[in-house]
Amino acid sequence: MGIVRYMAGEMMREIGNKSREFYELVLPPIDMYLEDSHLVAVIDLPGFDKKDIKITLHKNILSIRAEKHEPEKENMVCKQRPSMIDKKILLPAHIKEGEDAISSAKFSQGVLIIRIPISQKGKQISIE
């Protein structure tokens, strides 16, 4: 009977590792759209608190890091909710440089909304 419990435990650990890899690839879900002269990013971060989230913007790469600090449950069999997210997103627009690169970030009910001013960089090329 001991080998069956051992194998079940190993299988559950492997499932947990694979699900964590999947979450790192797809989480957090992000939607982006243009509104006026801003790029708006809507990011789902359920289960995290505002104090757990750090966002940075360097050139046109948005970095989101969220980490929960919660004690492990003693009899945990399988854990599929991520306790940490570290995601870098290449933004599809030219971002204004400087201190006002992010005009606002609001977190409410597990959803982070970031408004980033975009510049109208680029040169129109006339066709002859």
N, C-alpha and C. Protein backbone atom coordinates (compact mmCIF):
# COMPACT_ATOMS: atom_id res chain seq x y z
N MET A 1 0.82 -1.20 0.00
CA MET A 1 0.00 0.00 0.00
C MET A 1 0.86 1.26 0.00
N GLY A 2 2.06 1.19 0.55
CA GLY A 2 2.93 2.35 0.61
C GLY A 2 3.37 2.82 -0.77
N ILE A 3 3.62 1.87 -1.67
CA ILE A 3 4.06 2.25 -3.02
C ILE A 3 2.96 2.98 -3.79
N VAL A 4 1.70 2.59 -3.54
CA VAL A 4 0.57 3.24 -4.22
C VAL A 4 0.45 4.69 -3.77
N ARG A 5 0.57 4.93 -2.47
CA ARG A 5 0.52 6.31 -1.95
C ARG A 5 1.69 7.13 -2.47
N TYR A 6 2.87 6.50 -2.51
CA TYR A 6 4.04 7.20 -3.02
C TYR A 6 3.83 7.61 -4.48
N MET A 7 3.37 6.67 -5.30
CA MET A 7 3.15 6.94 -6.73
C MET A 7 2.06 8.01 -6.92
N ALA A 8 1.00 7.94 -6.11
CA ALA A 8 -0.06 8.95 -6.21
C ALA A 8 0.48 10.33 -5.85
N GLY A 9 1.30 10.40 -4.82
CA GLY A 9 1.91 11.67 -4.43
C GLY A 9 2.82 12.22 -5.51
N GLU A 10 3.63 11.34 -6.11
CA GLU A 10 4.52 11.78 -7.21
C GLU A 10 3.72 12.27 -8.41
N MET A 11 2.64 11.58 -8.72
CA MET A 11 1.81 11.97 -9.85
C MET A 11 1.17 13.34 -9.59
N MET A 12 0.69 13.57 -8.38
CA MET A 12 0.08 14.85 -8.06
C MET A 12 1.11 15.98 -8.10
N ARG A 13 2.32 15.71 -7.65
CA ARG A 13 3.39 16.71 -7.72
C ARG A 13 3.70 17.06 -9.19
N GLU A 14 3.76 16.05 -10.04
CA GLU A 14 4.05 16.29 -11.46
C GLU A 14 2.92 17.07 -12.12
N ILE A 15 1.68 16.76 -11.78
CA ILE A 15 0.53 17.51 -12.30
C ILE A 15 0.64 18.97 -11.84
N GLY A 16 1.00 19.17 -10.58
CA GLY A 16 1.17 20.52 -10.06
C GLY A 16 2.26 21.28 -10.80
N ASN A 17 3.39 20.61 -11.08
CA ASN A 17 4.48 21.25 -11.82
C ASN A 17 4.06 21.63 -13.22
N LYS A 18 3.37 20.73 -13.91
CA LYS A 18 2.91 21.01 -15.28
C LYS A 18 1.88 22.13 -15.31
N SER A 19 0.97 22.14 -14.33
CA SER A 19 -0.03 23.20 -14.31
C SER A 19 0.63 24.55 -14.01
N ARG A 20 1.66 24.57 -13.18
CA ARG A 20 2.39 25.80 -12.89
C ARG A 20 3.08 26.32 -14.16
N GLU A 21 3.67 25.41 -14.94
CA GLU A 21 4.30 25.81 -16.20
C GLU A 21 3.26 26.41 -17.15
N PHE A 22 2.09 25.79 -17.21
CA PHE A 22 1.01 26.30 -18.06
C PHE A 22 0.58 27.68 -17.61
N TYR A 23 0.39 27.86 -16.29
CA TYR A 23 -0.03 29.15 -15.77
C TYR A 23 1.00 30.23 -16.08
N GLU A 24 2.29 29.91 -15.99
CA GLU A 24 3.33 30.89 -16.28
C GLU A 24 3.27 31.32 -17.74
N LEU A 25 2.84 30.42 -18.63
CA LEU A 25 2.75 30.74 -20.04
C LEU A 25 1.54 31.62 -20.35
N VAL A 26 0.39 31.28 -19.81
CA VAL A 26 -0.85 31.96 -20.20
C VAL A 26 -1.34 33.01 -19.21
N LEU A 27 -0.88 32.95 -17.98
CA LEU A 27 -1.38 33.90 -17.00
C LEU A 27 -0.45 35.10 -16.89
N PRO A 28 -0.93 36.19 -16.54
CA PRO A 28 -2.33 36.54 -16.37
C PRO A 28 -2.98 36.84 -17.73
N PRO A 29 -4.28 36.59 -17.85
CA PRO A 29 -4.96 36.97 -19.09
C PRO A 29 -4.92 38.49 -19.27
N ILE A 30 -4.62 38.93 -20.48
CA ILE A 30 -4.46 40.36 -20.75
C ILE A 30 -5.23 40.74 -22.01
N ASP A 31 -5.95 41.83 -21.92
CA ASP A 31 -6.59 42.44 -23.08
C ASP A 31 -5.99 43.83 -23.24
N MET A 32 -5.74 44.24 -24.47
CA MET A 32 -5.22 45.59 -24.73
C MET A 32 -6.04 46.22 -25.84
N TYR A 33 -6.29 47.52 -25.68
CA TYR A 33 -6.98 48.26 -26.73
C TYR A 33 -6.53 49.71 -26.70
N LEU A 34 -6.74 50.39 -27.84
CA LEU A 34 -6.40 51.80 -27.95
C LEU A 34 -7.62 52.64 -27.62
N GLU A 35 -7.40 53.66 -26.81
CA GLU A 35 -8.47 54.59 -26.44
C GLU A 35 -7.88 55.98 -26.42
N ASP A 36 -8.36 56.84 -27.31
CA ASP A 36 -7.80 58.18 -27.48
C ASP A 36 -6.30 58.05 -27.78
N SER A 37 -5.46 58.66 -26.99
CA SER A 37 -4.02 58.55 -27.22
C SER A 37 -3.37 57.67 -26.15
N HIS A 38 -4.10 56.66 -25.69
CA HIS A 38 -3.61 55.75 -24.67
C HIS A 38 -3.76 54.29 -25.12
N LEU A 39 -2.84 53.48 -24.65
CA LEU A 39 -2.97 52.04 -24.75
C LEU A 39 -3.50 51.59 -23.39
N VAL A 40 -4.61 50.88 -23.37
CA VAL A 40 -5.21 50.42 -22.12
C VAL A 40 -5.00 48.92 -22.02
N ALA A 41 -4.38 48.50 -20.91
CA ALA A 41 -4.16 47.07 -20.65
C ALA A 41 -5.05 46.66 -19.48
N VAL A 42 -5.84 45.62 -19.69
CA VAL A 42 -6.72 45.07 -18.67
C VAL A 42 -6.17 43.69 -18.31
N ILE A 43 -5.75 43.53 -17.06
CA ILE A 43 -5.04 42.33 -16.63
C ILE A 43 -5.79 41.68 -15.47
N ASP A 44 -6.13 40.41 -15.60
CA ASP A 44 -6.81 39.67 -14.54
C ASP A 44 -5.79 39.13 -13.55
N LEU A 45 -5.93 39.51 -12.29
CA LEU A 45 -5.05 39.03 -11.23
C LEU A 45 -5.88 38.60 -10.02
N PRO A 46 -6.79 37.62 -10.19
CA PRO A 46 -7.63 37.21 -9.07
C PRO A 46 -6.82 36.57 -7.95
N GLY A 47 -7.22 36.86 -6.74
CA GLY A 47 -6.56 36.27 -5.58
C GLY A 47 -5.38 37.07 -5.06
N PHE A 48 -4.98 38.10 -5.77
CA PHE A 48 -3.87 38.94 -5.32
C PHE A 48 -4.43 40.22 -4.70
N ASP A 49 -3.65 40.81 -3.81
CA ASP A 49 -3.99 42.10 -3.22
C ASP A 49 -3.20 43.19 -3.93
N LYS A 50 -3.69 44.40 -3.82
CA LYS A 50 -3.02 45.55 -4.44
C LYS A 50 -1.57 45.66 -3.98
N LYS A 51 -1.32 45.39 -2.72
CA LYS A 51 0.04 45.51 -2.18
C LYS A 51 0.98 44.43 -2.71
N ASP A 52 0.43 43.36 -3.30
CA ASP A 52 1.24 42.25 -3.83
C ASP A 52 1.75 42.52 -5.25
N ILE A 53 1.26 43.57 -5.90
CA ILE A 53 1.50 43.78 -7.33
C ILE A 53 2.50 44.91 -7.57
N LYS A 54 3.47 44.64 -8.43
CA LYS A 54 4.45 45.64 -8.83
C LYS A 54 4.43 45.70 -10.36
N ILE A 55 4.31 46.92 -10.91
CA ILE A 55 4.36 47.08 -12.36
C ILE A 55 5.45 48.06 -12.72
N THR A 56 6.17 47.76 -13.79
CA THR A 56 7.20 48.66 -14.28
C THR A 56 7.09 48.73 -15.81
N LEU A 57 7.54 49.83 -16.33
CA LEU A 57 7.53 50.03 -17.77
C LEU A 57 8.91 50.50 -18.18
N HIS A 58 9.54 49.75 -19.06
CA HIS A 58 10.85 50.13 -19.59
C HIS A 58 10.76 50.07 -21.10
N LYS A 59 10.86 51.27 -21.72
CA LYS A 59 10.66 51.42 -23.16
C LYS A 59 9.27 50.89 -23.49
N ASN A 60 9.16 49.82 -24.28
CA ASN A 60 7.83 49.31 -24.59
C ASN A 60 7.62 47.91 -24.02
N ILE A 61 8.25 47.62 -22.90
CA ILE A 61 8.06 46.34 -22.21
C ILE A 61 7.41 46.62 -20.85
N LEU A 62 6.23 46.07 -20.68
CA LEU A 62 5.49 46.18 -19.42
C LEU A 62 5.77 44.94 -18.60
N SER A 63 6.25 45.13 -17.37
CA SER A 63 6.53 44.01 -16.47
C SER A 63 5.51 44.01 -15.33
N ILE A 64 4.95 42.84 -15.10
CA ILE A 64 3.97 42.66 -14.02
C ILE A 64 4.49 41.56 -13.12
N ARG A 65 4.62 41.89 -11.85
CA ARG A 65 5.06 40.89 -10.87
C ARG A 65 4.08 40.93 -9.71
N ALA A 66 3.52 39.80 -9.41
CA ALA A 66 2.59 39.69 -8.29
C ALA A 66 2.98 38.45 -7.49
N GLU A 67 3.03 38.62 -6.17
CA GLU A 67 3.42 37.49 -5.33
C GLU A 67 2.62 37.51 -4.03
N LYS A 68 1.96 36.39 -3.76
CA LYS A 68 1.22 36.24 -2.51
C LYS A 68 2.13 35.61 -1.47
N HIS A 69 1.99 36.07 -0.27
CA HIS A 69 2.73 35.48 0.84
C HIS A 69 1.72 34.86 1.78
N GLU A 70 1.44 33.59 1.55
CA GLU A 70 0.46 32.90 2.38
C GLU A 70 1.08 31.59 2.86
N PRO A 71 0.74 31.19 4.06
CA PRO A 71 1.31 29.95 4.58
C PRO A 71 0.78 28.74 3.81
N GLU A 72 1.66 27.75 3.64
CA GLU A 72 1.25 26.51 2.98
C GLU A 72 0.30 25.73 3.90
N LYS A 73 -0.71 25.17 3.30
CA LYS A 73 -1.64 24.34 4.08
C LYS A 73 -1.01 22.97 4.29
N GLU A 74 -1.17 22.44 5.49
CA GLU A 74 -0.50 21.20 5.88
C GLU A 74 -0.91 20.00 5.03
N ASN A 75 -2.19 19.89 4.74
CA ASN A 75 -2.67 18.71 4.02
C ASN A 75 -2.96 19.01 2.55
N MET A 76 -2.23 19.94 1.95
CA MET A 76 -2.44 20.30 0.55
C MET A 76 -2.12 19.11 -0.34
N VAL A 77 -3.06 18.75 -1.19
CA VAL A 77 -2.87 17.64 -2.12
C VAL A 77 -2.45 18.15 -3.49
N CYS A 78 -3.10 19.21 -3.93
CA CYS A 78 -2.81 19.76 -5.25
C CYS A 78 -3.02 21.27 -5.19
N LYS A 79 -2.06 22.01 -5.73
CA LYS A 79 -2.18 23.47 -5.75
C LYS A 79 -2.07 23.93 -7.19
N GLN A 80 -3.14 24.52 -7.72
CA GLN A 80 -3.12 24.96 -9.10
C GLN A 80 -3.22 26.47 -9.23
N ARG A 81 -3.55 27.17 -8.17
CA ARG A 81 -3.58 28.63 -8.22
C ARG A 81 -2.17 29.15 -8.05
N PRO A 82 -1.73 30.04 -8.92
CA PRO A 82 -0.36 30.54 -8.80
C PRO A 82 -0.23 31.48 -7.60
N SER A 83 0.89 31.36 -6.91
CA SER A 83 1.16 32.29 -5.82
C SER A 83 2.13 33.38 -6.30
N MET A 84 2.65 33.23 -7.52
CA MET A 84 3.51 34.25 -8.08
C MET A 84 3.31 34.33 -9.60
N ILE A 85 3.28 35.56 -10.08
CA ILE A 85 3.22 35.82 -11.52
C ILE A 85 4.32 36.80 -11.84
N ASP A 86 5.12 36.49 -12.84
CA ASP A 86 6.18 37.38 -13.31
C ASP A 86 6.11 37.37 -14.83
N LYS A 87 5.48 38.39 -15.38
CA LYS A 87 5.19 38.41 -16.82
C LYS A 87 5.74 39.68 -17.44
N LYS A 88 6.34 39.55 -18.60
CA LYS A 88 6.82 40.69 -19.38
C LYS A 88 6.06 40.69 -20.70
N ILE A 89 5.53 41.86 -21.06
CA ILE A 89 4.70 41.97 -22.24
C ILE A 89 5.28 43.04 -23.16
N LEU A 90 5.52 42.66 -24.40
CA LEU A 90 5.97 43.61 -25.41
C LEU A 90 4.74 44.36 -25.89
N LEU A 91 4.71 45.67 -25.66
CA LEU A 91 3.54 46.46 -26.01
C LEU A 91 3.53 46.78 -27.51
N PRO A 92 2.36 46.74 -28.11
CA PRO A 92 2.25 46.93 -29.56
C PRO A 92 2.12 48.39 -29.98
N ALA A 93 2.80 49.30 -29.30
CA ALA A 93 2.70 50.72 -29.64
C ALA A 93 3.96 51.43 -29.16
N HIS A 94 4.21 52.62 -29.71
CA HIS A 94 5.33 53.45 -29.26
C HIS A 94 4.90 54.16 -27.98
N ILE A 95 5.67 53.97 -26.94
CA ILE A 95 5.35 54.50 -25.62
C ILE A 95 6.09 55.81 -25.40
N LYS A 96 5.40 56.77 -24.79
CA LYS A 96 6.05 58.03 -24.43
C LYS A 96 7.08 57.76 -23.35
N GLU A 97 8.24 58.32 -23.48
CA GLU A 97 9.31 58.16 -22.49
C GLU A 97 9.15 59.18 -21.37
N GLY A 98 9.70 58.88 -20.21
CA GLY A 98 9.73 59.84 -19.12
C GLY A 98 8.95 59.38 -17.91
N GLU A 99 8.84 60.32 -16.97
CA GLU A 99 8.20 60.02 -15.69
C GLU A 99 6.72 59.71 -15.83
N ASP A 100 6.07 60.29 -16.82
CA ASP A 100 4.62 60.10 -16.96
C ASP A 100 4.29 58.97 -17.94
N ALA A 101 5.17 57.96 -18.01
CA ALA A 101 4.97 56.87 -18.96
C ALA A 101 3.68 56.10 -18.69
N ILE A 102 3.32 55.91 -17.43
CA ILE A 102 2.04 55.28 -17.10
C ILE A 102 1.17 56.37 -16.50
N SER A 103 0.03 56.65 -17.13
CA SER A 103 -0.79 57.75 -16.63
C SER A 103 -1.67 57.30 -15.47
N SER A 104 -2.09 56.02 -15.45
CA SER A 104 -2.85 55.55 -14.30
C SER A 104 -2.85 54.04 -14.24
N ALA A 105 -2.97 53.53 -13.03
CA ALA A 105 -3.10 52.09 -12.79
C ALA A 105 -4.11 51.93 -11.66
N LYS A 106 -5.17 51.19 -11.93
CA LYS A 106 -6.21 50.97 -10.93
C LYS A 106 -6.44 49.48 -10.76
N PHE A 107 -6.60 49.05 -9.50
CA PHE A 107 -6.83 47.65 -9.19
C PHE A 107 -8.11 47.54 -8.40
N SER A 108 -9.05 46.76 -8.93
CA SER A 108 -10.33 46.59 -8.26
C SER A 108 -10.88 45.21 -8.58
N GLN A 109 -11.29 44.48 -7.56
CA GLN A 109 -11.92 43.17 -7.69
C GLN A 109 -11.13 42.21 -8.57
N GLY A 110 -9.81 42.20 -8.39
CA GLY A 110 -8.96 41.26 -9.11
C GLY A 110 -8.58 41.67 -10.52
N VAL A 111 -8.93 42.89 -10.92
CA VAL A 111 -8.62 43.36 -12.28
C VAL A 111 -7.76 44.63 -12.20
N LEU A 112 -6.62 44.59 -12.87
CA LEU A 112 -5.72 45.73 -12.94
C LEU A 112 -5.90 46.40 -14.31
N ILE A 113 -6.17 47.71 -14.30
CA ILE A 113 -6.32 48.47 -15.54
C ILE A 113 -5.23 49.53 -15.58
N ILE A 114 -4.40 49.45 -16.63
CA ILE A 114 -3.28 50.36 -16.79
C ILE A 114 -3.51 51.19 -18.05
N ARG A 115 -3.36 52.51 -17.92
CA ARG A 115 -3.47 53.42 -19.07
C ARG A 115 -2.08 53.97 -19.35
N ILE A 116 -1.60 53.75 -20.58
CA ILE A 116 -0.26 54.16 -20.97
C ILE A 116 -0.36 55.10 -22.16
N PRO A 117 0.15 56.35 -22.02
CA PRO A 117 0.12 57.25 -23.17
C PRO A 117 1.04 56.74 -24.28
N ILE A 118 0.56 56.85 -25.50
CA ILE A 118 1.38 56.43 -26.63
C ILE A 118 1.76 57.65 -27.45
N SER A 119 2.90 57.57 -28.09
CA SER A 119 3.32 58.67 -28.96
C SER A 119 2.98 58.30 -30.40
N GLN A 120 2.92 59.28 -31.20
CA GLN A 120 2.60 59.05 -32.60
C GLN A 120 3.89 59.00 -33.41
N LYS A 121 4.86 58.25 -32.89
CA LYS A 121 6.14 58.12 -33.59
C LYS A 121 5.90 57.42 -34.91
N GLY A 122 6.78 57.65 -35.77
CA GLY A 122 6.68 57.03 -37.07
C GLY A 122 6.61 58.12 -38.12
N LYS A 123 7.06 57.81 -39.23
CA LYS A 123 7.11 58.78 -40.31
C LYS A 123 6.28 58.26 -41.45
N GLN A 124 5.41 59.10 -41.95
CA GLN A 124 4.63 58.70 -43.11
C GLN A 124 5.53 58.73 -44.34
N ILE A 125 5.39 57.74 -45.15
CA ILE A 125 6.19 57.63 -46.36
C ILE A 125 5.25 57.80 -47.55
N SER A 126 5.59 58.75 -48.37
CA SER A 126 4.74 58.97 -49.55
C SER A 126 5.10 57.95 -50.63
N ILE A 127 4.10 57.53 -51.32
CA ILE A 127 4.28 56.54 -52.39
C ILE A 127 4.30 57.27 -53.72
N GLU A 128 5.31 57.02 -54.50
CA GLU A 128 5.42 57.68 -55.80
C GLU A 128 4.97 56.77 -56.90
